[in-house]
Amino acid sequence: MIDSPTPEALRTQYESGATVDELAAASGLSYGTVLNRLHEAGTEMRTSWQTRRMRNDPQARRPPPQAGHVDGRRRVLTGAVTAMIVLGLCLFRRESVAVVIAG
């Protein structure tokens, strides 16, 4: 049982392989509160398949990507995907790339 689960303490345990469900059960906090605290600590969340892969082979955990764009859901978008999004906006708005990028 975690006495006083700080966002940083939850992040450390999550990054060591604990799931959000396990953290909620161990801390007595709700699932949503654990998620909020993990986000507050700037935790990069795993997908369910990454958690399963990590459980099967702890060495398989991938380091965070070094380059790319991060969208609102903290997903890393490669340069190619970002370029496609910009080009799509250009077509949709019927404006040049420079106008779309400038905002």
Protein backbone atom coordinates (compact mmCIF):
# COMPACT_ATOMS: atom_id res chain seq x y z
CA MET A 1 0.00 0.00 0.00
CA ILE A 2 1.32 3.44 -0.94
CA ASP A 3 1.04 5.84 2.04
CA SER A 4 0.80 9.13 0.17
CA PRO A 5 0.94 8.55 -3.56
CA THR A 6 2.52 11.58 -5.17
CA PRO A 7 2.35 11.95 -8.95
CA GLU A 8 6.09 11.28 -9.12
CA ALA A 9 5.83 8.10 -7.01
CA LEU A 10 3.02 6.80 -9.23
CA ARG A 11 5.04 7.66 -12.33
CA THR A 12 8.07 5.77 -11.03
CA GLN A 13 5.99 2.66 -10.37
CA TYR A 14 4.18 2.96 -13.71
CA GLU A 15 7.46 3.29 -15.59
CA SER A 16 8.74 0.22 -13.71
CA GLY A 17 5.91 -1.82 -15.23
CA ALA A 18 2.87 -1.38 -12.98
CA THR A 19 -0.49 -0.90 -14.68
CA VAL A 20 -2.96 1.86 -13.87
CA ASP A 21 -5.29 -0.79 -12.39
CA GLU A 22 -2.51 -2.09 -10.13
CA LEU A 23 -1.62 1.43 -8.98
CA ALA A 24 -5.26 2.19 -8.24
CA ALA A 25 -5.66 -0.99 -6.20
CA ALA A 26 -2.40 -0.47 -4.28
CA SER A 27 -3.03 3.20 -3.51
CA GLY A 28 -6.75 3.11 -2.81
CA LEU A 29 -7.25 5.87 -5.39
CA SER A 30 -9.74 5.68 -8.23
CA TYR A 31 -8.58 4.75 -11.72
CA GLY A 32 -9.29 8.31 -12.93
CA THR A 33 -7.33 9.90 -10.09
CA VAL A 34 -4.32 7.69 -10.84
CA LEU A 35 -4.53 8.66 -14.52
CA ASN A 36 -4.76 12.35 -13.62
CA ARG A 37 -1.72 12.11 -11.35
CA LEU A 38 0.27 10.25 -13.98
CA HIS A 39 -0.56 12.94 -16.54
CA GLU A 40 0.31 15.64 -13.98
CA ALA A 41 3.75 14.04 -13.59
CA GLY A 42 4.25 14.09 -17.37
CA THR A 43 4.14 10.32 -17.74
CA GLU A 44 4.29 8.92 -21.26
CA MET A 45 1.47 6.38 -21.25
CA ARG A 46 1.83 2.91 -22.74
CA THR A 47 -0.66 1.23 -25.01
CA SER A 48 -2.14 -2.08 -23.87
CA TRP A 49 0.04 -4.01 -26.33
CA GLN A 50 3.17 -2.28 -25.00
CA THR A 51 2.22 -3.34 -21.46
CA ARG A 52 1.66 -6.96 -22.57
CA ARG A 53 4.95 -6.95 -24.48
CA MET A 54 6.79 -5.52 -21.50
CA ARG A 55 5.29 -8.14 -19.18
CA ASN A 56 6.43 -10.94 -21.48
CA ASP A 57 9.91 -9.47 -22.03
CA PRO A 58 10.96 -6.56 -19.75
CA GLN A 59 13.91 -5.84 -22.07
CA ALA A 60 11.47 -5.19 -24.94
CA ARG A 61 10.42 -1.82 -23.58
CA ARG A 62 11.21 0.77 -26.20
CA PRO A 63 12.84 4.06 -25.26
CA PRO A 64 10.78 7.18 -26.03
CA PRO A 65 11.12 8.37 -29.61
CA GLN A 66 13.79 10.99 -30.16
CA ALA A 67 12.12 12.99 -32.91
CA GLY A 68 8.66 13.73 -34.21
CA HIS A 69 5.65 15.82 -33.39
CA VAL A 70 3.49 15.13 -30.35
CA ASP A 71 -0.24 15.69 -30.78
CA GLY A 72 -2.81 16.54 -28.07
CA ARG A 73 -3.05 12.91 -26.99
CA ARG A 74 0.73 12.67 -26.62
CA ARG A 75 1.09 10.33 -29.57
CA VAL A 76 4.32 10.78 -31.48
CA LEU A 77 3.77 11.57 -35.12
CA THR A 78 6.59 10.95 -37.56
CA GLY A 79 7.70 13.63 -40.00
CA ALA A 80 5.84 11.88 -42.82
CA VAL A 81 2.57 11.86 -40.90
CA THR A 82 2.99 15.50 -39.88
CA ALA A 83 3.66 16.43 -43.52
CA MET A 84 0.51 14.60 -44.63
CA ILE A 85 -1.54 16.45 -42.01
CA VAL A 86 -0.18 19.82 -43.17
CA LEU A 87 -0.85 18.97 -46.82
CA GLY A 88 -4.37 17.84 -45.90
CA LEU A 89 -4.99 21.15 -44.15
CA CYS A 90 -3.70 23.00 -47.22
CA LEU A 91 -6.17 21.17 -49.45
CA PHE A 92 -9.03 21.61 -46.98
CA ARG A 93 -8.41 25.32 -46.42
CA ARG A 94 -7.29 25.97 -50.02
CA GLU A 95 -4.27 27.88 -48.78
CA SER A 96 -0.53 27.56 -49.24
CA VAL A 97 1.69 25.57 -46.92
CA ALA A 98 3.24 28.76 -45.54
CA VAL A 99 -0.19 30.12 -44.51
CA VAL A 100 -1.23 26.83 -42.86
CA ILE A 101 2.04 26.47 -40.94
CA ALA A 102 1.97 30.10 -39.81
CA GLY A 103 -1.33 29.39 -38.19
